[in-house]
């Protein structure tokens, strides 16, 4: 395997998709030596087969706002690789979403999922829709319109989406409700659902908790713990709030959180009622941190 040759071909096939190119290069450079030591990898052409997604779906998502004005956003689903199990990966609703970012995330999802040792493939999807500043009714209508385009390409044994940036329990609920109506079945086709319709008890906190558990184990290799450590956290989304909660439980002090309008620095630590207040801000759909000050 020659990484530069492979990358030149990839860039020609997918021009301008810089995030995707960077992710592929980083993986190939990390496996180049061991790959070249194993002729059976080369004879099966594993690299070319894994760096290209199985399929890429792009679709328009028309939806109406509360004033009756119709808007059109782009929707995507990248089903990257299902060699060891159904496609699995989140849906992201954010203005920055494009094919390059979703290919980069879907490609990395293959390896993230395989490392769990569970039979899951890799995928990613989403839309350039921005939930910020939208009413609950507008978000519901968008999610329903999005699922109308996607539902026939997902399923518990085919492709299992989840949440990501801009897609939390509320959005998953709207998406799942429309899927059930269209598919006429109650199946575990989306993860991140609410407890009342098949979700897991600690799913909202799981990613943030996992991040902190990883840091805890890394510190343990140096004979240290999180107790007494000061921690800077970026964001306050689906991952950050769980991380802040677990750091506090393990004796650390969280000093920072951030949002699109800036960041919070609290030398006394962000814990307890302060975390609860930040959760209230998130639930208000304001998506800002300024009121914390």
Protein backbone atom coordinates (compact mmCIF):
# COMPACT_ATOMS: atom_id res chain seq x y z
CA UNK A 1 0.00 0.00 0.00
CA UNK A 2 1.25 3.44 -0.94
CA UNK A 3 -0.73 6.04 1.01
CA UNK A 4 0.04 8.94 -1.34
CA UNK A 5 -1.09 6.99 -4.40
CA UNK A 6 -4.32 5.92 -2.72
CA UNK A 7 -5.01 9.45 -1.51
CA UNK A 8 -4.39 10.95 -4.95
CA UNK A 9 -7.00 8.60 -6.41
CA UNK A 10 -9.44 9.33 -3.58
CA UNK A 11 -9.12 13.10 -4.02
CA UNK A 12 -9.78 12.75 -7.75
CA UNK A 13 -12.96 10.78 -7.07
CA UNK A 14 -14.14 13.05 -4.25
CA UNK A 15 -12.71 16.54 -4.87
CA UNK A 16 -13.04 19.19 -2.20
CA UNK A 17 -14.02 16.82 0.62
CA UNK A 18 -11.11 17.78 2.85
CA UNK A 19 -12.44 16.41 6.16
CA UNK A 20 -13.02 13.02 4.56
CA UNK A 21 -9.58 13.04 2.94
CA UNK A 22 -7.88 13.89 6.24
CA UNK A 23 -9.66 11.11 8.15
CA UNK A 24 -8.73 8.49 5.54
CA UNK A 25 -5.10 9.60 5.40
CA UNK A 26 -4.72 9.45 9.18
CA UNK A 27 -6.05 5.89 9.31
CA UNK A 28 -4.00 4.67 6.35
CA UNK A 29 -0.78 6.14 7.71
CA UNK A 30 -1.38 4.40 11.04
CA UNK A 31 -1.87 0.96 9.46
CA UNK A 32 0.50 1.21 6.47
CA UNK A 33 3.35 -0.83 7.97
CA UNK A 34 1.30 -3.75 9.28
CA UNK A 35 -0.88 -3.75 6.15
CA UNK A 36 2.15 -4.13 3.90
CA UNK A 37 3.47 -6.97 6.05
CA UNK A 38 0.34 -9.04 5.33
CA UNK A 39 -0.03 -10.01 1.65
CA UNK A 40 -3.55 -11.39 2.17
CA UNK A 41 -4.74 -7.85 3.01
CA UNK A 42 -3.38 -6.60 -0.30
CA UNK A 43 -4.73 -9.51 -2.33
CA UNK A 44 -8.23 -8.84 -0.95
CA UNK A 45 -7.75 -5.09 -1.60
CA UNK A 46 -9.10 -4.28 1.85
CA UNK A 47 -8.09 -0.61 1.75
CA UNK A 48 -9.94 0.34 -1.44
CA UNK A 49 -13.00 -1.54 -0.21
CA UNK A 50 -13.11 0.15 3.18
CA UNK A 51 -12.37 3.78 2.26
CA UNK A 52 -15.37 4.02 -0.09
CA UNK A 53 -18.87 4.03 1.45
CA UNK A 54 -21.27 1.27 0.46
CA UNK A 55 -23.83 3.89 -0.50
CA UNK A 56 -24.49 7.60 -0.16
CA UNK A 57 -28.05 8.90 0.04
CA UNK A 58 -28.92 12.56 -0.49
CA UNK A 59 -32.46 13.89 -0.37
CA UNK A 60 -34.39 17.12 0.01
CA UNK A 61 -36.41 17.74 3.17
CA UNK A 62 -39.24 20.26 2.68
CA UNK A 63 -40.94 21.46 5.87
CA UNK A 64 -43.20 24.33 6.96
CA UNK A 65 -42.44 26.79 9.76
CA UNK A 66 -45.04 28.14 12.18
CA UNK A 67 -45.96 30.93 9.75
CA UNK A 68 -46.66 28.44 6.97
CA UNK A 69 -43.53 29.27 4.96
CA UNK A 70 -42.00 26.21 3.30
CA UNK A 71 -38.26 25.64 3.67
CA UNK A 72 -36.05 23.04 2.00
CA UNK A 73 -33.02 21.48 3.65
CA UNK A 74 -30.71 18.71 2.50
CA UNK A 75 -30.74 15.31 4.18
CA UNK A 76 -28.04 12.65 4.05
CA UNK A 77 -27.32 9.08 5.10
CA UNK A 78 -23.88 7.56 4.51
CA UNK A 79 -23.99 3.78 4.90
CA UNK A 80 -20.27 3.19 5.03
CA UNK A 81 -19.57 -0.42 5.92
CA UNK A 82 -21.62 -3.34 7.26
CA UNK A 83 -19.01 -6.10 7.15
CA UNK A 84 -19.60 -7.14 10.77
CA UNK A 85 -23.18 -5.99 11.37
CA UNK A 86 -25.93 -3.48 10.57
CA UNK A 87 -24.90 0.09 9.83
CA UNK A 88 -24.76 2.13 13.04
CA UNK A 89 -24.12 5.84 13.51
CA UNK A 90 -25.71 9.10 14.51
CA UNK A 91 -27.76 11.78 12.81
CA UNK A 92 -26.47 15.36 13.03
CA UNK A 93 -28.64 18.45 12.48
CA UNK A 94 -26.40 21.49 12.06
CA UNK A 95 -25.80 24.14 9.36
CA UNK A 96 -22.23 22.85 8.87
CA UNK A 97 -23.37 19.38 7.77
CA UNK A 98 -22.20 18.33 4.31
CA UNK A 99 -21.06 15.16 2.54
CA UNK A 100 -17.41 15.59 3.48
CA UNK A 101 -18.09 15.87 7.21
CA UNK A 102 -20.51 12.95 7.20
CA UNK A 103 -18.12 10.74 5.22
CA UNK A 104 -15.34 11.57 7.68
CA UNK A 105 -17.58 10.73 10.63
CA UNK A 106 -19.01 7.59 8.99
CA UNK A 107 -15.54 6.31 8.10
CA UNK A 108 -14.30 6.72 11.67
CA UNK A 109 -17.53 5.16 12.98
CA UNK A 110 -16.53 1.85 11.38
CA UNK A 111 -13.52 1.58 13.67
CA UNK A 112 -15.17 3.05 16.75
CA UNK A 113 -17.97 0.49 16.55
CA UNK A 114 -15.67 -2.44 15.81
CA UNK A 115 -13.60 -1.65 18.91
CA UNK A 116 -16.67 -2.25 21.09
CA UNK A 117 -16.51 -5.92 19.94
CA UNK A 118 -20.24 -5.67 19.13
CA UNK A 119 -21.48 -6.66 15.64
CA UNK A 120 -22.07 -3.14 14.32
CA UNK A 121 -21.05 -1.50 11.06
CA UNK A 122 -20.40 2.19 10.48
CA UNK A 123 -22.68 4.95 9.18
CA UNK A 124 -23.52 8.63 9.63
CA UNK A 125 -26.26 10.97 8.51
CA UNK A 126 -28.03 14.21 9.14
CA UNK A 127 -29.05 17.51 7.63
CA UNK A 128 -27.99 21.15 7.34
CA UNK A 129 -31.17 22.02 9.28
CA UNK A 130 -30.49 24.19 12.34
CA UNK A 131 -32.74 23.35 15.33
CA UNK A 132 -31.52 26.44 17.21
CA UNK A 133 -34.28 29.02 17.57
CA UNK A 134 -36.97 26.71 16.17
CA UNK A 135 -40.18 25.90 18.02
CA UNK A 136 -40.98 22.36 19.12
CA UNK A 137 -43.64 22.18 16.41
CA UNK A 138 -41.17 23.25 13.71
CA UNK A 139 -38.61 20.69 14.85
CA UNK A 140 -41.30 18.01 14.91
CA UNK A 141 -42.40 18.82 11.36
CA UNK A 142 -38.82 18.76 10.12
CA UNK A 143 -38.07 15.42 11.83
CA UNK A 144 -41.22 13.89 10.37
CA UNK A 145 -40.33 15.13 6.88
CA UNK A 146 -36.76 13.84 7.28
CA UNK A 147 -37.96 10.38 8.34
CA UNK A 148 -40.41 10.19 5.44
CA UNK A 149 -37.39 10.22 3.11
CA UNK A 150 -35.20 7.90 5.21
CA UNK A 151 -37.45 5.26 6.74
CA UNK A 152 -37.35 2.74 3.90
CA UNK A 153 -33.54 2.55 4.09
CA UNK A 154 -33.17 1.81 7.81
CA UNK A 155 -34.25 -0.97 10.17
CA UNK A 156 -33.06 -2.98 13.19
CA UNK A 157 -31.14 -5.42 10.98
CA UNK A 158 -30.17 -2.91 8.29
CA UNK A 159 -29.21 0.51 9.65
CA UNK A 160 -29.74 1.84 13.18
CA UNK A 161 -29.34 5.65 13.48
CA UNK A 162 -28.77 7.50 16.75
CA UNK A 163 -28.46 11.08 17.96
CA UNK A 164 -25.57 13.50 17.53
CA UNK A 165 -25.17 17.29 17.52
CA UNK A 166 -28.63 18.86 17.26
CA UNK A 167 -30.37 15.51 17.70
CA UNK A 168 -31.25 14.65 21.29
CA UNK A 169 -34.06 12.74 22.95
CA UNK A 170 -36.73 15.11 21.63
CA UNK A 171 -35.65 14.77 18.01
CA UNK A 172 -35.19 11.00 18.30
CA UNK A 173 -38.73 10.80 19.68
CA UNK A 174 -40.17 12.70 16.73
CA UNK A 175 -38.16 10.60 14.27
CA UNK A 176 -39.15 7.33 15.91
CA UNK A 177 -42.82 8.29 16.06
CA UNK A 178 -42.88 8.88 12.31
CA UNK A 179 -40.91 5.68 11.62
CA UNK A 180 -43.45 3.62 13.59
CA UNK A 181 -46.30 5.19 11.66
CA UNK A 182 -44.70 4.55 8.27
CA UNK A 183 -43.25 1.09 8.95
CA UNK A 184 -46.23 -0.02 11.06
CA UNK A 185 -43.99 -1.75 13.56
CA UNK A 186 -42.39 -1.15 16.97
CA UNK A 187 -38.72 -2.04 16.62
CA UNK A 188 -35.42 -0.79 17.97
CA UNK A 189 -34.55 1.12 14.83
CA UNK A 190 -33.23 4.22 16.64
CA UNK A 191 -31.07 4.41 19.74
CA UNK A 192 -31.38 7.31 22.15
CA UNK A 193 -35.14 6.94 22.59
CA UNK A 194 -36.93 8.01 25.76
CA UNK A 195 -37.50 5.49 28.54
CA UNK A 196 -41.24 5.40 27.85
CA UNK A 197 -40.81 4.09 24.30
CA UNK A 198 -37.99 1.61 24.56
CA UNK A 199 -34.95 3.67 25.51
CA UNK A 200 -32.15 2.73 27.91
CA UNK A 201 -32.00 4.11 31.43
CA UNK A 202 -28.66 5.96 31.24
CA UNK A 203 -28.49 6.56 27.47
CA UNK A 204 -28.49 10.39 27.72
CA UNK A 205 -25.41 10.34 29.96
CA UNK A 206 -23.66 7.37 28.38
CA UNK A 207 -21.32 9.11 25.93
CA UNK A 208 -20.15 11.72 28.44
CA UNK A 209 -19.72 9.09 31.14
CA UNK A 210 -17.70 6.94 28.73
CA UNK A 211 -15.40 9.85 27.93
CA UNK A 212 -14.65 10.36 31.63
CA UNK A 213 -14.22 6.62 32.29
CA UNK A 214 -11.61 6.58 29.51
CA UNK A 215 -9.77 9.52 31.11
CA UNK A 216 -10.00 7.75 34.49
CA UNK A 217 -8.36 4.61 33.10
CA UNK A 218 -5.64 6.63 31.36
CA UNK A 219 -4.83 8.42 34.62
CA UNK A 220 -4.74 5.06 36.42
CA UNK A 221 -1.82 3.96 34.22
CA UNK A 222 0.14 6.82 35.84
CA UNK A 223 -1.07 6.00 39.33
CA UNK A 224 -3.38 9.02 39.42
CA UNK A 225 -7.11 9.68 39.72
CA UNK A 226 -9.53 12.46 38.80
CA UNK A 227 -9.96 13.43 42.44
CA UNK A 228 -8.71 16.98 42.96
CA UNK A 229 -8.08 17.56 39.24
CA UNK A 230 -9.39 20.65 37.46
CA UNK A 231 -11.09 19.91 34.15
CA UNK A 232 -11.89 22.11 31.14
CA UNK A 233 -14.87 20.96 29.06
CA UNK A 234 -15.78 22.38 25.67
CA UNK A 235 -19.47 22.61 24.79
CA UNK A 236 -22.56 21.65 26.75
CA UNK A 237 -24.30 19.26 24.41
CA UNK A 238 -25.12 15.56 24.47
CA UNK A 239 -21.60 14.62 25.60
CA UNK A 240 -20.43 17.54 27.73
CA UNK A 241 -23.17 17.55 30.35
CA UNK A 242 -22.69 13.85 31.12
CA UNK A 243 -18.94 14.39 31.31
CA UNK A 244 -19.38 17.32 33.72
CA UNK A 245 -21.64 15.23 35.93
CA UNK A 246 -19.27 12.25 36.10
CA UNK A 247 -16.13 14.36 36.65
CA UNK A 248 -17.86 15.93 39.65
CA UNK A 249 -18.92 12.52 41.00
CA UNK A 250 -15.31 11.31 40.78
CA UNK A 251 -13.98 14.27 42.73
CA UNK A 252 -12.81 16.53 39.93
CA UNK A 253 -13.69 20.19 39.44
CA UNK A 254 -15.14 21.35 36.11
CA UNK A 255 -14.09 24.93 35.39
CA UNK A 256 -15.41 25.57 31.87
CA UNK A 257 -18.35 24.93 29.58
CA UNK A 258 -19.16 26.65 26.31
CA UNK A 259 -21.86 27.42 23.79
CA UNK A 260 -22.19 29.18 20.44
CA UNK A 261 -22.25 32.55 22.21
CA UNK A 262 -19.05 32.05 24.23
CA UNK A 263 -17.80 30.15 27.25
CA UNK A 264 -18.24 29.96 31.01
CA UNK A 265 -15.27 30.01 33.39
CA UNK A 266 -16.20 29.34 37.00
CA UNK A 267 -13.22 28.99 39.37
CA UNK A 268 -15.54 27.66 42.08
CA UNK A 269 -16.47 24.70 39.89
CA UNK A 270 -19.55 23.80 37.86
CA UNK A 271 -21.50 21.14 39.71
CA UNK A 272 -24.81 20.33 41.38
CA UNK A 273 -27.40 23.07 40.90
CA UNK A 274 -25.19 24.79 38.33
CA UNK A 275 -25.32 21.73 36.07
CA UNK A 276 -29.08 21.54 36.62
CA UNK A 277 -29.37 25.19 35.55
CA UNK A 278 -27.36 24.52 32.39
CA UNK A 279 -29.70 21.62 31.60
CA UNK A 280 -32.66 23.98 31.98
CA UNK A 281 -31.00 26.36 29.50
CA UNK A 282 -30.58 23.50 27.02
CA UNK A 283 -34.19 22.42 27.46
CA UNK A 284 -35.37 25.99 26.75
CA UNK A 285 -33.96 25.64 23.20
CA UNK A 286 -31.97 28.85 23.69
CA UNK A 287 -28.65 27.01 23.29
CA UNK A 288 -26.65 29.81 24.95
CA UNK A 289 -24.48 30.05 28.06
CA UNK A 290 -24.61 33.82 28.73
CA UNK A 291 -27.40 33.57 31.37
CA UNK A 292 -25.06 31.46 33.52
CA UNK A 293 -23.01 34.58 34.21
